[in-house]
């Protein structure tokens, strides 16, 4: 008879196998529509950014802005990966830029703007554990509201496996100033010119403890209310970052949570030149708040 730990490991292996097989199936049926991009690195204030350019991103943005039914109720069966819990399930992201981009959605409609619950973190933690079991780090993120880059009002967290062969490497670009802040035992990095807060996590952190930290960080930002203002949440196994948002875009360049991980998207060569003129770090400061604006 298998032990509880063996059963758990088997479940994690089965989940990752489902991710791989469902990706192949969804590509074959056309349900999965990867967006091809070219990548370029930009640096500002010693921080590297990965910029992806693709005209397909413009078409996706236009599709996201068009009125349409909730794509998660019902969801496309060809994108279904696994049931995670009585409250959540996992889908492939239909318009993925990187392979195996996962969506963690609520079974019933829950607003994207409301506070995340423990069950949301439990579903995310389950997926992160299965990816980590394959020796792959991952980045979880949440765009809380349209101004934070959310394309859908139905609650969905997202998870990106950080494979070494992808443009977004195992270490996310923004990890350097975040780790420096953690090493200095401070909740803010002086290298980041916008209001934010950083919390420390570890491999032993439970979903409940991570949810508790999330609420504490929001409280320190003055956002611990039932329906907080827009913000971006980024999570790895080592840290959590929350950035309050002021606006969705600056000079036509949109920013979601991945921007604060060091990954930006543009639709054209002209927009790339625009980003070079503004500066990627300056762009983030424009769509977020200045440090003293939140005090």
Protein backbone atom coordinates (compact mmCIF):
# COMPACT_ATOMS: atom_id res chain seq x y z
CA UNK A 1 0.00 0.00 0.00
CA UNK A 2 1.32 3.45 -0.93
CA UNK A 3 2.09 5.92 1.82
CA UNK A 4 0.35 9.30 1.97
CA UNK A 5 3.56 10.96 0.74
CA UNK A 6 3.82 8.55 -2.21
CA UNK A 7 0.20 9.24 -3.14
CA UNK A 8 0.89 12.98 -2.95
CA UNK A 9 3.97 12.69 -5.20
CA UNK A 10 2.03 10.55 -7.67
CA UNK A 11 -0.69 13.20 -7.81
CA UNK A 12 1.89 15.91 -8.50
CA UNK A 13 3.45 13.86 -11.30
CA UNK A 14 0.00 13.16 -12.76
CA UNK A 15 -0.84 16.87 -12.72
CA UNK A 16 2.31 17.84 -14.62
CA UNK A 17 1.71 15.02 -17.08
CA UNK A 18 -1.78 16.43 -17.65
CA UNK A 19 -0.30 19.87 -18.32
CA UNK A 20 1.99 18.40 -20.99
CA UNK A 21 -0.57 16.13 -22.65
CA UNK A 22 -3.34 18.74 -22.59
CA UNK A 23 -0.99 21.27 -24.16
CA UNK A 24 -0.35 18.88 -27.06
CA UNK A 25 -4.08 18.20 -27.39
CA UNK A 26 -5.06 21.89 -27.27
CA UNK A 27 -2.46 22.76 -29.90
CA UNK A 28 -3.75 20.00 -32.16
CA UNK A 29 -7.37 21.16 -31.86
CA UNK A 30 -6.54 24.84 -32.22
CA UNK A 31 -7.95 25.69 -28.80
CA UNK A 32 -4.51 26.85 -27.70
CA UNK A 33 -3.32 29.83 -29.74
CA UNK A 34 0.27 30.69 -28.77
CA UNK A 35 1.42 34.22 -29.46
CA UNK A 36 4.76 34.34 -31.23
CA UNK A 37 7.07 37.08 -30.02
CA UNK A 38 10.59 38.36 -30.41
CA UNK A 39 12.47 39.27 -27.25
CA UNK A 40 14.83 42.13 -26.51
CA UNK A 41 16.55 43.16 -23.29
CA UNK A 42 16.43 46.71 -21.99
CA UNK A 43 18.25 47.96 -18.90
CA UNK A 44 17.47 50.92 -16.69
CA UNK A 45 19.09 51.76 -13.34
CA UNK A 46 20.93 48.44 -13.41
CA UNK A 47 17.72 46.39 -13.71
CA UNK A 48 17.29 44.18 -16.77
CA UNK A 49 13.90 43.96 -18.48
CA UNK A 50 12.73 41.50 -21.10
CA UNK A 51 10.57 43.15 -23.75
CA UNK A 52 8.48 40.99 -26.07
CA UNK A 53 7.14 42.38 -29.32
CA UNK A 54 4.29 40.91 -31.36
CA UNK A 55 1.47 42.35 -33.45
CA UNK A 56 -0.65 39.42 -32.23
CA UNK A 57 -0.66 41.02 -28.78
CA UNK A 58 -2.57 43.95 -30.27
CA UNK A 59 -5.22 41.59 -31.63
CA UNK A 60 -5.50 39.90 -28.24
CA UNK A 61 -5.86 43.27 -26.51
CA UNK A 62 -8.62 44.23 -28.94
CA UNK A 63 -10.35 40.90 -28.31
CA UNK A 64 -10.09 41.40 -24.55
CA UNK A 65 -11.74 44.83 -24.84
CA UNK A 66 -14.67 43.56 -26.92
CA UNK A 67 -17.90 42.68 -25.08
CA UNK A 68 -18.25 38.91 -24.89
CA UNK A 69 -19.51 36.16 -22.59
CA UNK A 70 -17.46 34.98 -19.64
CA UNK A 71 -14.83 32.61 -21.18
CA UNK A 72 -14.68 30.64 -17.92
CA UNK A 73 -18.43 29.94 -17.63
CA UNK A 74 -18.38 27.65 -19.41
CA UNK A 75 -14.67 27.14 -20.07
CA UNK A 76 -13.32 25.46 -23.19
CA UNK A 77 -13.01 21.72 -22.43
CA UNK A 78 -9.91 21.48 -24.66
CA UNK A 79 -8.11 23.88 -22.29
CA UNK A 80 -9.02 22.01 -19.10
CA UNK A 81 -6.06 20.62 -17.12
CA UNK A 82 -7.33 19.49 -13.73
CA UNK A 83 -9.71 19.95 -10.84
CA UNK A 84 -7.76 21.54 -8.00
CA UNK A 85 -10.38 21.73 -5.25
CA UNK A 86 -14.13 22.05 -4.73
CA UNK A 87 -13.73 25.78 -5.48
CA UNK A 88 -11.02 25.96 -8.17
CA UNK A 89 -9.81 24.34 -11.38
CA UNK A 90 -6.85 24.78 -13.71
CA UNK A 91 -6.90 25.73 -17.39
CA UNK A 92 -4.30 26.44 -20.04
CA UNK A 93 -4.09 30.11 -20.98
CA UNK A 94 -5.58 30.24 -24.47
CA UNK A 95 -3.32 33.07 -25.68
CA UNK A 96 -0.02 32.02 -24.15
CA UNK A 97 3.29 33.76 -24.78
CA UNK A 98 5.32 31.17 -22.86
CA UNK A 99 4.61 27.42 -22.76
CA UNK A 100 2.45 25.91 -20.02
CA UNK A 101 1.02 29.22 -18.84
CA UNK A 102 -1.70 28.17 -16.40
CA UNK A 103 -4.89 29.87 -15.21
CA UNK A 104 -6.29 29.05 -11.78
CA UNK A 105 -9.96 30.01 -11.85
CA UNK A 106 -12.89 29.82 -9.46
CA UNK A 107 -15.61 27.36 -10.46
CA UNK A 108 -18.31 29.92 -9.71
CA UNK A 109 -18.10 33.57 -10.60
CA UNK A 110 -16.08 35.56 -8.08
CA UNK A 111 -15.10 39.17 -8.82
CA UNK A 112 -11.49 39.83 -9.75
CA UNK A 113 -11.48 43.00 -7.63
CA UNK A 114 -12.32 41.48 -4.25
CA UNK A 115 -9.79 40.27 -1.69
CA UNK A 116 -8.30 36.86 -2.38
CA UNK A 117 -9.36 34.10 -0.01
CA UNK A 118 -7.45 31.25 1.60
CA UNK A 119 -8.95 28.88 -0.99
CA UNK A 120 -7.37 30.95 -3.79
CA UNK A 121 -3.95 30.55 -2.19
CA UNK A 122 -4.52 26.83 -1.60
CA UNK A 123 -5.23 26.31 -5.30
CA UNK A 124 -2.21 28.37 -6.32
CA UNK A 125 0.05 26.63 -3.79
CA UNK A 126 -1.05 23.23 -5.09
CA UNK A 127 -0.02 24.14 -8.64
CA UNK A 128 3.25 25.72 -7.56
CA UNK A 129 4.14 22.57 -5.60
CA UNK A 130 3.55 20.34 -8.62
CA UNK A 131 5.72 22.52 -10.85
CA UNK A 132 8.46 22.65 -8.22
CA UNK A 133 8.33 18.85 -7.99
CA UNK A 134 9.62 18.82 -11.59
CA UNK A 135 12.63 20.92 -10.56
CA UNK A 136 11.13 24.04 -12.14
CA UNK A 137 10.59 27.34 -10.35
CA UNK A 138 7.38 29.25 -11.04
CA UNK A 139 5.92 32.72 -10.77
CA UNK A 140 2.36 33.21 -9.59
CA UNK A 141 0.60 36.49 -10.23
CA UNK A 142 -2.74 38.24 -9.93
CA UNK A 143 -4.01 41.35 -11.70
CA UNK A 144 -6.60 42.79 -9.32
CA UNK A 145 -8.94 44.74 -11.57
CA UNK A 146 -8.84 46.26 -15.04
CA UNK A 147 -6.46 49.07 -14.06
CA UNK A 148 -4.02 46.40 -12.87
CA UNK A 149 -4.13 44.62 -16.24
CA UNK A 150 -6.95 42.10 -15.68
CA UNK A 151 -8.55 41.04 -18.96
CA UNK A 152 -11.49 39.26 -17.32
CA UNK A 153 -13.76 40.13 -14.35
CA UNK A 154 -14.00 36.43 -13.35
CA UNK A 155 -11.36 35.69 -10.70
CA UNK A 156 -8.28 34.03 -12.12
CA UNK A 157 -4.77 33.72 -10.76
CA UNK A 158 -1.97 32.82 -13.15
CA UNK A 159 1.13 30.65 -12.95
CA UNK A 160 4.19 30.69 -15.20
CA UNK A 161 6.72 27.85 -14.99
CA UNK A 162 10.15 29.48 -15.29
CA UNK A 163 11.92 27.01 -17.54
CA UNK A 164 15.64 27.75 -18.21
CA UNK A 165 15.14 27.69 -21.99
CA UNK A 166 12.50 30.45 -22.00
CA UNK A 167 13.15 34.19 -22.42
CA UNK A 168 11.93 34.78 -18.87
CA UNK A 169 14.69 32.88 -17.03
CA UNK A 170 14.63 30.88 -13.82
CA UNK A 171 15.42 34.05 -11.88
CA UNK A 172 12.86 36.74 -12.71
CA UNK A 173 14.63 40.01 -13.61
CA UNK A 174 13.09 41.96 -10.72
CA UNK A 175 14.38 39.36 -8.27
CA UNK A 176 17.67 41.22 -7.73
CA UNK A 177 16.29 44.35 -6.01
CA UNK A 178 13.69 42.23 -4.19
CA UNK A 179 16.31 39.86 -2.78
CA UNK A 180 18.47 42.82 -1.77
CA UNK A 181 15.53 44.27 0.17
CA UNK A 182 14.90 40.94 1.89
CA UNK A 183 18.59 40.63 2.78
CA UNK A 184 18.41 44.10 4.35
CA UNK A 185 15.26 43.06 6.26
CA UNK A 186 13.22 45.85 4.71
CA UNK A 187 9.81 45.72 3.04
CA UNK A 188 10.74 48.21 0.30
CA UNK A 189 13.56 48.33 -2.21
CA UNK A 190 15.20 51.75 -2.73
CA UNK A 191 15.89 50.63 -6.31
CA UNK A 192 12.17 50.59 -7.18
CA UNK A 193 10.79 54.11 -7.73
CA UNK A 194 7.16 53.29 -6.99
CA UNK A 195 5.04 52.33 -4.00
CA UNK A 196 5.33 48.61 -3.23
CA UNK A 197 5.76 46.15 -0.41
CA UNK A 198 7.75 42.91 -0.20
CA UNK A 199 7.19 39.93 2.08
CA UNK A 200 9.44 36.93 2.71
CA UNK A 201 8.27 33.37 2.01
CA UNK A 202 10.04 30.01 2.24
CA UNK A 203 9.60 26.47 0.96
CA UNK A 204 7.87 25.62 4.23
CA UNK A 205 5.30 28.43 4.00
CA UNK A 206 1.75 27.07 3.87
CA UNK A 207 -1.03 28.48 1.73
CA UNK A 208 -2.78 29.74 4.86
CA UNK A 209 0.38 31.49 6.05
CA UNK A 210 0.90 33.05 2.61
CA UNK A 211 -2.69 34.30 2.62
CA UNK A 212 -2.16 35.79 6.08
CA UNK A 213 1.00 37.57 4.86
CA UNK A 214 -0.91 38.86 1.83
CA UNK A 215 -3.51 40.46 4.12
CA UNK A 216 -0.79 41.92 6.35
CA UNK A 217 1.00 43.50 3.39
CA UNK A 218 -2.22 44.96 2.03
CA UNK A 219 -2.93 46.39 5.48
CA UNK A 220 0.50 48.02 5.59
CA UNK A 221 -0.28 49.62 2.23
CA UNK A 222 -3.68 50.78 3.49
CA UNK A 223 -5.48 48.47 1.05
CA UNK A 224 -6.93 45.92 3.49
CA UNK A 225 -10.57 46.56 2.63
CA UNK A 226 -13.24 44.29 1.16
CA UNK A 227 -12.78 45.80 -2.30
CA UNK A 228 -9.27 47.30 -2.42
CA UNK A 229 -8.04 49.62 -5.17
CA UNK A 230 -6.29 47.93 -8.13
CA UNK A 231 -2.97 46.25 -7.39
CA UNK A 232 -0.61 43.64 -8.79
CA UNK A 233 0.43 40.62 -6.76
CA UNK A 234 3.49 38.51 -7.62
CA UNK A 235 4.48 35.36 -5.75
CA UNK A 236 7.39 32.94 -5.84
CA UNK A 237 8.39 30.39 -3.22
CA UNK A 238 10.77 32.98 -1.74
CA UNK A 239 8.84 36.26 -1.79
CA UNK A 240 5.61 38.13 -2.36
CA UNK A 241 5.38 41.57 -3.99
CA UNK A 242 2.34 43.87 -4.03
CA UNK A 243 2.21 47.03 -6.16
CA UNK A 244 -0.80 49.40 -5.97
CA UNK A 245 -1.85 50.63 -9.41
CA UNK A 246 -2.76 54.13 -10.55
CA UNK A 247 -3.55 53.42 -14.21
CA UNK A 248 -3.64 50.57 -16.71
CA UNK A 249 -1.17 52.00 -19.24
CA UNK A 250 1.08 54.93 -20.03
CA UNK A 251 1.36 56.39 -23.53
CA UNK A 252 -0.49 53.36 -24.98
CA UNK A 253 1.86 50.81 -23.38
CA UNK A 254 -0.13 48.49 -21.08
CA UNK A 255 1.34 46.95 -17.93
CA UNK A 256 0.16 43.96 -15.92
CA UNK A 257 1.79 42.03 -13.08
CA UNK A 258 4.51 40.66 -15.35
CA UNK A 259 5.81 44.19 -15.88
CA UNK A 260 6.74 44.28 -12.19
CA UNK A 261 8.54 40.97 -12.66
CA UNK A 262 10.64 42.63 -15.38
CA UNK A 263 8.71 41.42 -18.44
CA UNK A 264 6.96 43.93 -20.73
CA UNK A 265 4.97 43.58 -23.96
CA UNK A 266 4.70 45.91 -26.95
CA UNK A 267 2.65 45.67 -30.14
CA UNK A 268 4.97 47.21 -32.72
CA UNK A 269 8.49 48.49 -33.41
CA UNK A 270 7.18 52.04 -32.88
CA UNK A 271 5.91 51.10 -29.44
CA UNK A 272 9.28 49.51 -28.66
CA UNK A 273 11.00 52.80 -29.51
CA UNK A 274 8.46 54.57 -27.33
CA UNK A 275 9.36 52.26 -24.44
CA UNK A 276 13.07 52.88 -24.97
CA UNK A 277 12.42 56.62 -24.79
CA UNK A 278 10.39 56.35 -21.58
CA UNK A 279 12.54 53.68 -19.94
CA UNK A 280 11.03 50.43 -18.60
CA UNK A 281 11.50 51.29 -14.92
CA UNK A 282 10.10 54.78 -15.51
CA UNK A 283 7.09 53.19 -17.23
CA UNK A 284 6.35 51.16 -14.10
CA UNK A 285 6.58 54.30 -11.98
CA UNK A 286 4.06 56.03 -14.27
CA UNK A 287 1.39 53.31 -13.91
CA UNK A 288 1.96 52.86 -10.17
CA UNK A 289 2.13 55.44 -7.36
CA UNK A 290 5.09 57.42 -6.17
CA UNK A 291 6.28 56.24 -2.77
CA UNK A 292 5.04 59.33 -0.92
CA UNK A 293 1.63 59.20 -2.63
CA UNK A 294 0.62 56.14 -0.58
CA UNK A 295 1.73 57.57 2.78
